[in-house]
């Protein structure tokens, strides 16, 4: 059945036809809600709300716009409603000043205020589907810095910028979604540009990765894994830029500069008390890793965190470690790994 036939069947009450009708858009709609909300669970809830409203409102879809545009309109408004009900999502750098590494990592915040990572497999990148109005590449538009910058925008500015600059909808289409005028959309977009561009780094992570060849990226990733598993603080720090940052949502604590990061690493995560296993993954279009910490009582490596690297050339400008063991299954990783199933870290002096 083609899209028109599925639409007619769905209008007749065929739930399976509706599921097949929206399935090609589901992943991309999740990525859209994630850009709006900065949280995967919130995005999943907004998408479920949107699809339920689409099912109930199918009779109102007259075909004057494409099915894609209609679904994005519903998902945008579902996200706007979600924004009204919960606090703004941030990264620790936006929450407060850098901390003294001698004081320890502190305590996590009770409320959920942090941006969280999205596996690349769930990004729903739509090659060729963005319209001529698109300003940002879709892979750029899910980088952590971009997602965090979006959260500083008022909700409607956020919606306008994403619909226009990421998805390439026209001012008229966006105006219909938000019940405003094309002139109002253009004015809102100008204000959104000013805020976002002040918060974005000069170079996107896609540009940084494309400036390296495959071998350089591979060496950087394997070097980070090897140094972390051997708890070699000097090697990790040598991979950083001078003003590199280390952040750890849900902790508001974070550190700036090689010396501060080195002090923290030696005192806590890479101290002699800990033993790690690290698995490369990819998140938000960036290099990322799943970390497992050795559990002495159970004698196994237990899920610990997801770390996302932000690069500046061949060096690491920011390490964002999301300290949430429940994130690892989101990346297709197990809750634990038996020690006998992995190789010991290499010793470069051997």
C-alpha atoms as a PDB file:
ATOM      1  CA  UNK A   1       0.000   0.000   0.000  1.00  0.00           C
ATOM      2  CA  UNK A   2       1.263   3.484  -0.836  1.00  0.00           C
ATOM      3  CA  UNK A   3       0.927   6.498   1.464  1.00  0.00           C
ATOM      4  CA  UNK A   4      -2.460   7.559   0.052  1.00  0.00           C
ATOM      5  CA  UNK A   5      -3.904   4.073   0.508  1.00  0.00           C
ATOM      6  CA  UNK A   6      -2.521   3.827   4.047  1.00  0.00           C
ATOM      7  CA  UNK A   7      -3.994   7.240   4.845  1.00  0.00           C
ATOM      8  CA  UNK A   8      -7.434   6.190   3.644  1.00  0.00           C
ATOM      9  CA  UNK A   9      -7.269   2.926   5.587  1.00  0.00           C
ATOM     10  CA  UNK A  10      -6.143   4.765   8.725  1.00  0.00           C
ATOM     11  CA  UNK A  11      -9.003   7.229   8.364  1.00  0.00           C
ATOM     12  CA  UNK A  12     -11.288   4.212   8.307  1.00  0.00           C
ATOM     13  CA  UNK A  13     -10.012   3.174  11.743  1.00  0.00           C
ATOM     14  CA  UNK A  14      -7.202   0.800  10.729  1.00  0.00           C
ATOM     15  CA  UNK A  15      -4.607   1.245  13.493  1.00  0.00           C
ATOM     16  CA  UNK A  16      -2.078  -0.975  11.720  1.00  0.00           C
ATOM     17  CA  UNK A  17      -2.316   1.211   8.617  1.00  0.00           C
ATOM     18  CA  UNK A  18      -1.729   4.298  10.771  1.00  0.00           C
ATOM     19  CA  UNK A  19       1.336   2.696  12.365  1.00  0.00           C
ATOM     20  CA  UNK A  20       2.717   1.897   8.902  1.00  0.00           C
ATOM     21  CA  UNK A  21       1.859   5.422   7.719  1.00  0.00           C
ATOM     22  CA  UNK A  22       3.863   7.202  10.442  1.00  0.00           C
ATOM     23  CA  UNK A  23       6.687   4.656  10.828  1.00  0.00           C
ATOM     24  CA  UNK A  24       8.977   6.298   8.211  1.00  0.00           C
ATOM     25  CA  UNK A  25       8.802   9.564  10.198  1.00  0.00           C
ATOM     26  CA  UNK A  26       8.998   8.222  13.740  1.00  0.00           C
ATOM     27  CA  UNK A  27      12.779   8.356  14.255  1.00  0.00           C
ATOM     28  CA  UNK A  28      13.149  11.827  12.754  1.00  0.00           C
ATOM     29  CA  UNK A  29      10.231  13.098  14.835  1.00  0.00           C
ATOM     30  CA  UNK A  30      11.936  11.781  17.978  1.00  0.00           C
ATOM     31  CA  UNK A  31      15.091  13.703  17.041  1.00  0.00           C
ATOM     32  CA  UNK A  32      12.945  16.806  16.510  1.00  0.00           C
ATOM     33  CA  UNK A  33      11.352  16.493  19.960  1.00  0.00           C
ATOM     34  CA  UNK A  34      14.826  15.899  21.435  1.00  0.00           C
ATOM     35  CA  UNK A  35      16.090  19.158  19.917  1.00  0.00           C
ATOM     36  CA  UNK A  36      13.110  20.942  21.413  1.00  0.00           C
ATOM     37  CA  UNK A  37      13.387  19.359  24.866  1.00  0.00           C
ATOM     38  CA  UNK A  38      17.041  18.337  25.382  1.00  0.00           C
ATOM     39  CA  UNK A  39      15.956  15.082  27.029  1.00  0.00           C
ATOM     40  CA  UNK A  40      15.368  11.676  25.474  1.00  0.00           C
ATOM     41  CA  UNK A  41      12.650  10.571  27.955  1.00  0.00           C
ATOM     42  CA  UNK A  42      10.843  13.904  27.524  1.00  0.00           C
ATOM     43  CA  UNK A  43      11.168  13.574  23.743  1.00  0.00           C
ATOM     44  CA  UNK A  44       9.741  10.048  23.814  1.00  0.00           C
ATOM     45  CA  UNK A  45       6.768  11.256  25.870  1.00  0.00           C
ATOM     46  CA  UNK A  46       6.172  14.210  23.525  1.00  0.00           C
ATOM     47  CA  UNK A  47       6.331  11.919  20.494  1.00  0.00           C
ATOM     48  CA  UNK A  48       3.791   9.542  22.009  1.00  0.00           C
ATOM     49  CA  UNK A  49       1.507  12.506  22.727  1.00  0.00           C
ATOM     50  CA  UNK A  50       1.968  13.767  19.157  1.00  0.00           C
ATOM     51  CA  UNK A  51       1.199  10.414  17.527  1.00  0.00           C
ATOM     52  CA  UNK A  52      -1.888   9.953  19.688  1.00  0.00           C
ATOM     53  CA  UNK A  53      -3.131  13.404  18.664  1.00  0.00           C
ATOM     54  CA  UNK A  54      -2.330  12.634  15.015  1.00  0.00           C
ATOM     55  CA  UNK A  55      -4.366   9.418  15.190  1.00  0.00           C
ATOM     56  CA  UNK A  56      -7.311  11.180  16.798  1.00  0.00           C
ATOM     57  CA  UNK A  57      -7.098  14.124  14.407  1.00  0.00           C
ATOM     58  CA  UNK A  58      -6.575  12.211  11.181  1.00  0.00           C
ATOM     59  CA  UNK A  59      -9.939  13.299   9.813  1.00  0.00           C
ATOM     60  CA  UNK A  60      -8.747  16.915  10.085  1.00  0.00           C
ATOM     61  CA  UNK A  61      -5.761  16.303   7.802  1.00  0.00           C
ATOM     62  CA  UNK A  62      -6.971  17.642   4.458  1.00  0.00           C
ATOM     63  CA  UNK A  63      -3.758  17.152   2.498  1.00  0.00           C
ATOM     64  CA  UNK A  64      -3.098  20.851   1.889  1.00  0.00           C
ATOM     65  CA  UNK A  65       0.391  20.262   3.322  1.00  0.00           C
ATOM     66  CA  UNK A  66       2.489  17.110   3.188  1.00  0.00           C
ATOM     67  CA  UNK A  67       1.996  14.410   5.796  1.00  0.00           C
ATOM     68  CA  UNK A  68       5.546  15.152   6.983  1.00  0.00           C
ATOM     69  CA  UNK A  69       4.751  18.832   7.585  1.00  0.00           C
ATOM     70  CA  UNK A  70       1.520  17.940   9.389  1.00  0.00           C
ATOM     71  CA  UNK A  71       3.288  15.485  11.707  1.00  0.00           C
ATOM     72  CA  UNK A  72       6.081  17.944  12.487  1.00  0.00           C
ATOM     73  CA  UNK A  73       3.482  20.565  13.317  1.00  0.00           C
ATOM     74  CA  UNK A  74       1.781  18.252  15.814  1.00  0.00           C
ATOM     75  CA  UNK A  75       5.131  17.153  17.311  1.00  0.00           C
ATOM     76  CA  UNK A  76       6.238  20.778  17.675  1.00  0.00           C
ATOM     77  CA  UNK A  77       3.109  21.713  19.588  1.00  0.00           C
ATOM     78  CA  UNK A  78       3.384  18.596  21.767  1.00  0.00           C
ATOM     79  CA  UNK A  79       6.934  19.688  22.634  1.00  0.00           C
ATOM     80  CA  UNK A  80       5.782  23.238  23.405  1.00  0.00           C
ATOM     81  CA  UNK A  81       3.231  21.850  25.849  1.00  0.00           C
ATOM     82  CA  UNK A  82       5.932  19.713  27.476  1.00  0.00           C
ATOM     83  CA  UNK A  83       8.218  22.741  27.893  1.00  0.00           C
ATOM     84  CA  UNK A  84       5.502  24.487  29.889  1.00  0.00           C
ATOM     85  CA  UNK A  85       5.460  21.645  32.434  1.00  0.00           C
ATOM     86  CA  UNK A  86       9.123  21.224  33.322  1.00  0.00           C
ATOM     87  CA  UNK A  87      12.357  23.167  34.019  1.00  0.00           C
ATOM     88  CA  UNK A  88      14.827  24.221  31.356  1.00  0.00           C
ATOM     89  CA  UNK A  89      17.504  21.645  30.530  1.00  0.00           C
ATOM     90  CA  UNK A  90      21.158  22.682  30.939  1.00  0.00           C
ATOM     91  CA  UNK A  91      24.727  21.441  31.015  1.00  0.00           C
ATOM     92  CA  UNK A  92      26.767  22.111  34.189  1.00  0.00           C
ATOM     93  CA  UNK A  93      28.804  24.865  32.497  1.00  0.00           C
ATOM     94  CA  UNK A  94      25.571  26.848  32.121  1.00  0.00           C
ATOM     95  CA  UNK A  95      24.495  26.159  35.710  1.00  0.00           C
ATOM     96  CA  UNK A  96      27.316  27.742  37.698  1.00  0.00           C
ATOM     97  CA  UNK A  97      31.051  28.579  37.823  1.00  0.00           C
ATOM     98  CA  UNK A  98      33.884  26.048  37.687  1.00  0.00           C
ATOM     99  CA  UNK A  99      34.695  24.242  40.940  1.00  0.00           C
ATOM    100  CA  UNK A 100      37.875  23.674  42.934  1.00  0.00           C
ATOM    101  CA  UNK A 101      39.029  20.120  42.114  1.00  0.00           C
ATOM    102  CA  UNK A 102      40.386  19.656  45.652  1.00  0.00           C
ATOM    103  CA  UNK A 103      36.838  19.821  47.045  1.00  0.00           C
ATOM    104  CA  UNK A 104      35.594  16.670  45.342  1.00  0.00           C
ATOM    105  CA  UNK A 105      32.686  16.155  42.980  1.00  0.00           C
ATOM    106  CA  UNK A 106      29.869  17.144  45.343  1.00  0.00           C
ATOM    107  CA  UNK A 107      26.289  15.905  45.239  1.00  0.00           C
ATOM    108  CA  UNK A 108      23.889  15.576  42.277  1.00  0.00           C
ATOM    109  CA  UNK A 109      20.878  17.832  41.997  1.00  0.00           C
ATOM    110  CA  UNK A 110      17.622  16.162  42.919  1.00  0.00           C
ATOM    111  CA  UNK A 111      15.589  17.686  40.086  1.00  0.00           C
ATOM    112  CA  UNK A 112      16.096  16.690  36.461  1.00  0.00           C
ATOM    113  CA  UNK A 113      17.548  19.782  34.805  1.00  0.00           C
ATOM    114  CA  UNK A 114      20.251  18.324  32.594  1.00  0.00           C
ATOM    115  CA  UNK A 115      20.505  17.799  28.864  1.00  0.00           C
ATOM    116  CA  UNK A 116      21.143  14.111  28.184  1.00  0.00           C
ATOM    117  CA  UNK A 117      22.800  12.251  25.268  1.00  0.00           C
ATOM    118  CA  UNK A 118      21.119  10.641  22.280  1.00  0.00           C
ATOM    119  CA  UNK A 119      22.680   7.634  20.469  1.00  0.00           C
ATOM    120  CA  UNK A 120      23.531   8.309  16.839  1.00  0.00           C
ATOM    121  CA  UNK A 121      21.367   5.331  15.839  1.00  0.00           C
ATOM    122  CA  UNK A 122      18.310   7.280  17.010  1.00  0.00           C
ATOM    123  CA  UNK A 123      19.068  10.590  15.323  1.00  0.00           C
ATOM    124  CA  UNK A 124      16.863  10.061  12.279  1.00  0.00           C
ATOM    125  CA  UNK A 125      19.003  12.122   9.931  1.00  0.00           C
ATOM    126  CA  UNK A 126      16.957  12.851   6.822  1.00  0.00           C
ATOM    127  CA  UNK A 127      19.422  13.227   3.993  1.00  0.00           C
ATOM    128  CA  UNK A 128      17.883  15.345   1.256  1.00  0.00           C
ATOM    129  CA  UNK A 129      14.619  16.073   3.083  1.00  0.00           C
ATOM    130  CA  UNK A 130      15.498  19.444   4.601  1.00  0.00           C
ATOM    131  CA  UNK A 131      14.213  22.332   2.505  1.00  0.00           C
ATOM    132  CA  UNK A 132      16.216  25.178   0.965  1.00  0.00           C
ATOM    133  CA  UNK A 133      15.697  27.299   4.097  1.00  0.00           C
ATOM    134  CA  UNK A 134      17.867  24.959   6.203  1.00  0.00           C
ATOM    135  CA  UNK A 135      20.881  26.674   7.752  1.00  0.00           C
ATOM    136  CA  UNK A 136      22.394  23.955   9.961  1.00  0.00           C
ATOM    137  CA  UNK A 137      23.315  20.457   8.853  1.00  0.00           C
ATOM    138  CA  UNK A 138      21.097  17.978  10.651  1.00  0.00           C
ATOM    139  CA  UNK A 139      24.057  16.210  12.247  1.00  0.00           C
ATOM    140  CA  UNK A 140      25.310  19.569  13.557  1.00  0.00           C
ATOM    141  CA  UNK A 141      21.855  20.215  14.967  1.00  0.00           C
ATOM    142  CA  UNK A 142      22.122  17.365  17.483  1.00  0.00           C
ATOM    143  CA  UNK A 143      25.586  18.191  18.831  1.00  0.00           C
ATOM    144  CA  UNK A 144      25.611  18.784  22.586  1.00  0.00           C
ATOM    145  CA  UNK A 145      26.608  22.444  22.243  1.00  0.00           C
ATOM    146  CA  UNK A 146      23.745  23.098  19.834  1.00  0.00           C
ATOM    147  CA  UNK A 147      21.169  21.246  21.955  1.00  0.00           C
ATOM    148  CA  UNK A 148      22.329  23.143  25.055  1.00  0.00           C
ATOM    149  CA  UNK A 149      22.222  26.481  23.211  1.00  0.00           C
ATOM    150  CA  UNK A 150      18.664  25.795  22.052  1.00  0.00           C
ATOM    151  CA  UNK A 151      17.518  25.344  25.645  1.00  0.00           C
ATOM    152  CA  UNK A 152      18.370  28.998  26.357  1.00  0.00           C
ATOM    153  CA  UNK A 153      15.769  30.146  23.848  1.00  0.00           C
ATOM    154  CA  UNK A 154      12.157  30.866  24.758  1.00  0.00           C
ATOM    155  CA  UNK A 155      10.026  27.955  23.595  1.00  0.00           C
ATOM    156  CA  UNK A 156       8.573  29.593  20.468  1.00  0.00           C
ATOM    157  CA  UNK A 157      11.971  30.922  19.374  1.00  0.00           C
ATOM    158  CA  UNK A 158      13.316  27.392  19.769  1.00  0.00           C
ATOM    159  CA  UNK A 159      10.532  25.990  17.606  1.00  0.00           C
ATOM    160  CA  UNK A 160      11.010  28.630  14.910  1.00  0.00           C
ATOM    161  CA  UNK A 161      14.773  28.127  14.694  1.00  0.00           C
ATOM    162  CA  UNK A 162      14.513  24.336  14.490  1.00  0.00           C
ATOM    163  CA  UNK A 163      11.717  24.333  11.920  1.00  0.00           C
ATOM    164  CA  UNK A 164      13.355  26.972   9.741  1.00  0.00           C
ATOM    165  CA  UNK A 165      17.096  26.420  10.139  1.00  0.00           C
ATOM    166  CA  UNK A 166      17.284  22.658  10.729  1.00  0.00           C
ATOM    167  CA  UNK A 167      14.293  21.246   8.863  1.00  0.00           C
ATOM    168  CA  UNK A 168      14.045  23.942   6.210  1.00  0.00           C
ATOM    169  CA  UNK A 169      10.344  24.731   6.465  1.00  0.00           C
ATOM    170  CA  UNK A 170       9.240  28.018   4.901  1.00  0.00           C
ATOM    171  CA  UNK A 171       8.162  31.003   6.990  1.00  0.00           C
ATOM    172  CA  UNK A 172       4.592  30.387   5.847  1.00  0.00           C
ATOM    173  CA  UNK A 173       4.636  26.746   6.983  1.00  0.00           C
ATOM    174  CA  UNK A 174       6.095  27.698  10.370  1.00  0.00           C
ATOM    175  CA  UNK A 175       3.548  30.493  10.758  1.00  0.00           C
ATOM    176  CA  UNK A 176       0.729  27.990  10.212  1.00  0.00           C
ATOM    177  CA  UNK A 177       2.194  25.636  12.811  1.00  0.00           C
ATOM    178  CA  UNK A 178       2.547  28.355  15.447  1.00  0.00           C
ATOM    179  CA  UNK A 179      -0.546  30.353  14.486  1.00  0.00           C
ATOM    180  CA  UNK A 180       1.332  33.536  13.695  1.00  0.00           C
ATOM    181  CA  UNK A 181       2.433  35.427  10.551  1.00  0.00           C
ATOM    182  CA  UNK A 182       5.434  34.879   8.269  1.00  0.00           C
ATOM    183  CA  UNK A 183       6.712  38.319   9.306  1.00  0.00           C
ATOM    184  CA  UNK A 184       6.410  37.289  12.943  1.00  0.00           C
ATOM    185  CA  UNK A 185       8.349  34.114  12.208  1.00  0.00           C
ATOM    186  CA  UNK A 186      11.180  36.065  10.549  1.00  0.00           C
ATOM    187  CA  UNK A 187      11.394  38.479  13.486  1.00  0.00           C
ATOM    188  CA  UNK A 188      11.448  35.632  15.996  1.00  0.00           C
ATOM    189  CA  UNK A 189      14.134  33.843  13.985  1.00  0.00           C
ATOM    190  CA  UNK A 190      16.431  36.880  14.061  1.00  0.00           C
ATOM    191  CA  UNK A 191      16.242  37.015  17.866  1.00  0.00           C
ATOM    192  CA  UNK A 192      16.871  33.273  18.098  1.00  0.00           C
ATOM    193  CA  UNK A 193      19.956  33.524  15.870  1.00  0.00           C
ATOM    194  CA  UNK A 194      21.523  36.128  18.154  1.00  0.00           C
ATOM    195  CA  UNK A 195      21.154  33.998  21.284  1.00  0.00           C
ATOM    196  CA  UNK A 196      22.270  30.719  19.738  1.00  0.00           C
ATOM    197  CA  UNK A 197      25.275  32.094  17.872  1.00  0.00           C
ATOM    198  CA  UNK A 198      26.573  33.725  21.053  1.00  0.00           C
ATOM    199  CA  UNK A 199      26.633  30.308  22.719  1.00  0.00           C
ATOM    200  CA  UNK A 200      27.946  28.085  19.937  1.00  0.00           C
ATOM    201  CA  UNK A 201      31.686  27.403  19.545  1.00  0.00           C
ATOM    202  CA  UNK A 202      33.343  28.846  16.420  1.00  0.00           C
ATOM    203  CA  UNK A 203      33.512  25.402  14.857  1.00  0.00           C
ATOM    204  CA  UNK A 204      31.001  22.567  14.911  1.00  0.00           C
ATOM    205  CA  UNK A 205      31.978  19.041  15.907  1.00  0.00           C
ATOM    206  CA  UNK A 206      31.246  17.895  12.371  1.00  0.00           C
ATOM    207  CA  UNK A 207      33.827  20.380  11.076  1.00  0.00           C
ATOM    208  CA  UNK A 208      36.291  19.263  13.759  1.00  0.00           C
ATOM    209  CA  UNK A 209      35.849  15.582  12.875  1.00  0.00           C
ATOM    210  CA  UNK A 210      36.042  16.250   9.125  1.00  0.00           C
ATOM    211  CA  UNK A 211      39.372  18.059   9.651  1.00  0.00           C
ATOM    212  CA  UNK A 212      40.829  14.733  10.832  1.00  0.00           C
ATOM    213  CA  UNK A 213      41.279  11.652   8.727  1.00  0.00           C
ATOM    214  CA  UNK A 214      39.845   8.300   9.782  1.00  0.00           C
ATOM    215  CA  UNK A 215      43.136   7.130  11.243  1.00  0.00           C
ATOM    216  CA  UNK A 216      43.491  10.258  13.402  1.00  0.00           C
ATOM    217  CA  UNK A 217      39.958   9.836  14.752  1.00  0.00           C
ATOM    218  CA  UNK A 218      40.614   6.159  15.443  1.00  0.00           C
ATOM    219  CA  UNK A 219      43.892   6.923  17.229  1.00  0.00           C
ATOM    220  CA  UNK A 220      42.245   9.599  19.343  1.00  0.00           C
ATOM    221  CA  UNK A 221      39.427   7.257  20.388  1.00  0.00           C
ATOM    222  CA  UNK A 222      41.653   4.256  21.112  1.00  0.00           C
ATOM    223  CA  UNK A 223      44.185   6.482  22.893  1.00  0.00           C
ATOM    224  CA  UNK A 224      41.481   7.826  25.191  1.00  0.00           C
ATOM    225  CA  UNK A 225      40.169   4.337  25.954  1.00  0.00           C
ATOM    226  CA  UNK A 226      43.642   2.980  26.628  1.00  0.00           C
ATOM    227  CA  UNK A 227      44.693   5.875  28.879  1.00  0.00           C
ATOM    228  CA  UNK A 228      41.424   5.767  30.846  1.00  0.00           C
ATOM    229  CA  UNK A 229      41.601   2.025  31.426  1.00  0.00           C
ATOM    230  CA  UNK A 230      45.235   2.281  32.572  1.00  0.00           C
ATOM    231  CA  UNK A 231      44.296   5.296  34.769  1.00  0.00           C
ATOM    232  CA  UNK A 232      47.106   7.232  33.084  1.00  0.00           C
ATOM    233  CA  UNK A 233      46.208  10.792  34.073  1.00  0.00           C
ATOM    234  CA  UNK A 234      49.217  12.310  32.313  1.00  0.00           C
ATOM    235  CA  UNK A 235      48.211  10.828  28.957  1.00  0.00           C
ATOM    236  CA  UNK A 236      44.562  11.851  29.343  1.00  0.00           C
ATOM    237  CA  UNK A 237      45.559  15.404  30.253  1.00  0.00           C
ATOM    238  CA  UNK A 238      48.024  15.572  27.350  1.00  0.00           C
ATOM    239  CA  UNK A 239      45.067  14.970  25.030  1.00  0.00           C
ATOM    240  CA  UNK A 240      43.272  18.079  26.343  1.00  0.00           C
ATOM    241  CA  UNK A 241      43.363  21.700  25.243  1.00  0.00           C
ATOM    242  CA  UNK A 242      44.768  24.160  27.795  1.00  0.00           C
ATOM    243  CA  UNK A 243      41.291  25.372  28.802  1.00  0.00           C
ATOM    244  CA  UNK A 244      39.500  22.029  28.535  1.00  0.00           C
ATOM    245  CA  UNK A 245      36.437  21.458  30.706  1.00  0.00           C
ATOM    246  CA  UNK A 246      35.275  18.326  32.527  1.00  0.00           C
ATOM    247  CA  UNK A 247      31.570  18.145  33.404  1.00  0.00           C
ATOM    248  CA  UNK A 248      29.509  15.394  35.048  1.00  0.00           C
ATOM    249  CA  UNK A 249      25.720  15.719  34.873  1.00  0.00           C
ATOM    250  CA  UNK A 250      23.801  15.256  37.198  1.00  0.00           C
ATOM    251  CA  UNK A 251      26.537  16.864  39.321  1.00  0.00           C
ATOM    252  CA  UNK A 252      26.608  20.667  39.057  1.00  0.00           C
ATOM    253  CA  UNK A 253      30.350  20.444  39.783  1.00  0.00           C
ATOM    254  CA  UNK A 254      32.701  20.965  36.835  1.00  0.00           C
ATOM    255  CA  UNK A 255      36.364  21.851  36.228  1.00  0.00           C
ATOM    256  CA  UNK A 256      38.224  24.113  33.812  1.00  0.00           C
ATOM    257  CA  UNK A 257      41.845  23.798  32.636  1.00  0.00           C
ATOM    258  CA  UNK A 258      44.373  20.967  32.431  1.00  0.00           C
ATOM    259  CA  UNK A 259      45.668  21.362  35.988  1.00  0.00           C
ATOM    260  CA  UNK A 260      42.218  21.340  37.553  1.00  0.00           C
ATOM    261  CA  UNK A 261      41.110  18.350  35.477  1.00  0.00           C
ATOM    262  CA  UNK A 262      44.325  16.469  36.336  1.00  0.00           C
ATOM    263  CA  UNK A 263      43.824  17.094  40.063  1.00  0.00           C
ATOM    264  CA  UNK A 264      40.263  15.845  39.909  1.00  0.00           C
ATOM    265  CA  UNK A 265      41.135  12.757  37.850  1.00  0.00           C
ATOM    266  CA  UNK A 266      43.946  11.742  40.220  1.00  0.00           C
ATOM    267  CA  UNK A 267      41.813  12.244  43.291  1.00  0.00           C
ATOM    268  CA  UNK A 268      38.639  10.537  42.114  1.00  0.00           C
ATOM    269  CA  UNK A 269      37.815   8.671  38.856  1.00  0.00           C
ATOM    270  CA  UNK A 270      41.379   7.661  37.932  1.00  0.00           C
ATOM    271  CA  UNK A 271      42.636   7.053  41.462  1.00  0.00           C
ATOM    272  CA  UNK A 272      44.136   3.687  42.390  1.00  0.00           C
ATOM    273  CA  UNK A 273      40.823   2.741  44.008  1.00  0.00           C
ATOM    274  CA  UNK A 274      39.065   2.397  40.654  1.00  0.00           C
ATOM    275  CA  UNK A 275      39.329   0.001  37.713  1.00  0.00           C
ATOM    276  CA  UNK A 276      37.581   0.771  34.424  1.00  0.00           C
ATOM    277  CA  UNK A 277      36.443  -0.836  31.203  1.00  0.00           C
ATOM    278  CA  UNK A 278      35.514   1.548  28.361  1.00  0.00           C
ATOM    279  CA  UNK A 279      33.517   0.847  25.190  1.00  0.00           C
ATOM    280  CA  UNK A 280      33.456   3.265  22.212  1.00  0.00           C
ATOM    281  CA  UNK A 281      29.980   4.377  21.116  1.00  0.00           C
ATOM    282  CA  UNK A 282      28.694   7.498  19.363  1.00  0.00           C
ATOM    283  CA  UNK A 283      26.296  10.133  20.647  1.00  0.00           C
ATOM    284  CA  UNK A 284      24.992  13.425  19.287  1.00  0.00           C
ATOM    285  CA  UNK A 285      27.226  13.044  16.233  1.00  0.00           C
ATOM    286  CA  UNK A 286      30.318  13.056  18.502  1.00  0.00           C
ATOM    287  CA  UNK A 287      32.870  10.585  19.844  1.00  0.00           C
ATOM    288  CA  UNK A 288      31.476   8.901  22.941  1.00  0.00           C
ATOM    289  CA  UNK A 289      32.207   6.025  25.317  1.00  0.00           C
ATOM    290  CA  UNK A 290      30.363   3.771  27.726  1.00  0.00           C
ATOM    291  CA  UNK A 291      32.215   3.432  31.036  1.00  0.00           C
ATOM    292  CA  UNK A 292      32.061   0.399  33.323  1.00  0.00           C
ATOM    293  CA  UNK A 293      33.434   0.473  36.891  1.00  0.00           C
ATOM    294  CA  UNK A 294      34.784  -2.625  38.613  1.00  0.00           C
ATOM    295  CA  UNK A 295      32.487  -3.882  41.379  1.00  0.00           C
ATOM    296  CA  UNK A 296      34.719  -5.688  43.894  1.00  0.00           C
ATOM    297  CA  UNK A 297      31.877  -7.368  45.747  1.00  0.00           C
ATOM    298  CA  UNK A 298      30.208  -8.784  42.636  1.00  0.00           C
ATOM    299  CA  UNK A 299      33.501  -9.192  40.728  1.00  0.00           C
ATOM    300  CA  UNK A 300      32.168  -7.702  37.509  1.00  0.00           C
ATOM    301  CA  UNK A 301      32.286  -4.442  35.598  1.00  0.00           C
ATOM    302  CA  UNK A 302      29.035  -2.526  36.234  1.00  0.00           C
ATOM    303  CA  UNK A 303      27.538   0.156  34.000  1.00  0.00           C
ATOM    304  CA  UNK A 304      28.584   3.596  35.195  1.00  0.00           C
ATOM    305  CA  UNK A 305      28.347   6.455  32.673  1.00  0.00           C
ATOM    306  CA  UNK A 306      28.340   7.726  29.092  1.00  0.00           C
ATOM    307  CA  UNK A 307      31.105  10.168  28.176  1.00  0.00           C
ATOM    308  CA  UNK A 308      30.893  12.477  25.156  1.00  0.00           C
ATOM    309  CA  UNK A 309      34.011  14.225  23.815  1.00  0.00           C
ATOM    310  CA  UNK A 310      34.009  17.686  22.248  1.00  0.00           C
ATOM    311  CA  UNK A 311      37.035  18.178  20.010  1.00  0.00           C
ATOM    312  CA  UNK A 312      39.093  21.179  19.010  1.00  0.00           C
ATOM    313  CA  UNK A 313      41.388  20.014  16.257  1.00  0.00           C
ATOM    314  CA  UNK A 314      43.171  16.880  17.467  1.00  0.00           C
ATOM    315  CA  UNK A 315      42.654  17.731  21.130  1.00  0.00           C
ATOM    316  CA  UNK A 316      39.744  17.381  23.509  1.00  0.00           C
ATOM    317  CA  UNK A 317      38.097  20.668  24.501  1.00  0.00           C
ATOM    318  CA  UNK A 318      35.440  19.156  26.751  1.00  0.00           C
ATOM    319  CA  UNK A 319      34.701  15.850  28.447  1.00  0.00           C
ATOM    320  CA  UNK A 320      31.034  15.474  29.381  1.00  0.00           C
ATOM    321  CA  UNK A 321      30.452  12.401  31.526  1.00  0.00           C
ATOM    322  CA  UNK A 322      26.788  11.613  32.112  1.00  0.00           C
ATOM    323  CA  UNK A 323      26.877   9.752  35.418  1.00  0.00           C
ATOM    324  CA  UNK A 324      23.832   7.571  34.902  1.00  0.00           C
ATOM    325  CA  UNK A 325      24.169   3.806  34.588  1.00  0.00           C
ATOM    326  CA  UNK A 326      20.673   3.604  33.086  1.00  0.00           C
ATOM    327  CA  UNK A 327      21.916   5.411  29.971  1.00  0.00           C
ATOM    328  CA  UNK A 328      24.077   2.518  28.774  1.00  0.00           C
ATOM    329  CA  UNK A 329      21.219   0.241  27.636  1.00  0.00           C
ATOM    330  CA  UNK A 330      20.005   3.189  25.549  1.00  0.00           C
ATOM    331  CA  UNK A 331      23.253   2.736  23.588  1.00  0.00           C
ATOM    332  CA  UNK A 332      22.785  -1.010  23.230  1.00  0.00           C
ATOM    333  CA  UNK A 333      25.285  -1.778  26.006  1.00  0.00           C
ATOM    334  CA  UNK A 334      24.747  -4.358  28.772  1.00  0.00           C
ATOM    335  CA  UNK A 335      24.303  -3.540  32.451  1.00  0.00           C
ATOM    336  CA  UNK A 336      27.478  -5.408  33.303  1.00  0.00           C
ATOM    337  CA  UNK A 337      30.463  -7.092  31.665  1.00  0.00           C
ATOM    338  CA  UNK A 338      32.327 -10.090  33.057  1.00  0.00           C
ATOM    339  CA  UNK A 339      36.038  -9.481  33.554  1.00  0.00           C
ATOM    340  CA  UNK A 340      36.966 -12.680  31.736  1.00  0.00           C
ATOM    341  CA  UNK A 341      35.330 -11.486  28.526  1.00  0.00           C
ATOM    342  CA  UNK A 342      37.626  -8.488  27.969  1.00  0.00           C
ATOM    343  CA  UNK A 343      41.298  -7.935  27.335  1.00  0.00           C
ATOM    344  CA  UNK A 344      43.448  -6.105  29.897  1.00  0.00           C
ATOM    345  CA  UNK A 345      44.571  -2.596  28.840  1.00  0.00           C
ATOM    346  CA  UNK A 346      47.823  -2.424  26.906  1.00  0.00           C
ATOM    347  CA  UNK A 347      51.036  -1.191  28.472  1.00  0.00           C
ATOM    348  CA  UNK A 348      52.861   1.138  26.046  1.00  0.00           C
ATOM    349  CA  UNK A 349      56.126   0.510  27.890  1.00  0.00           C
ATOM    350  CA  UNK A 350      55.914  -3.221  27.194  1.00  0.00           C
END
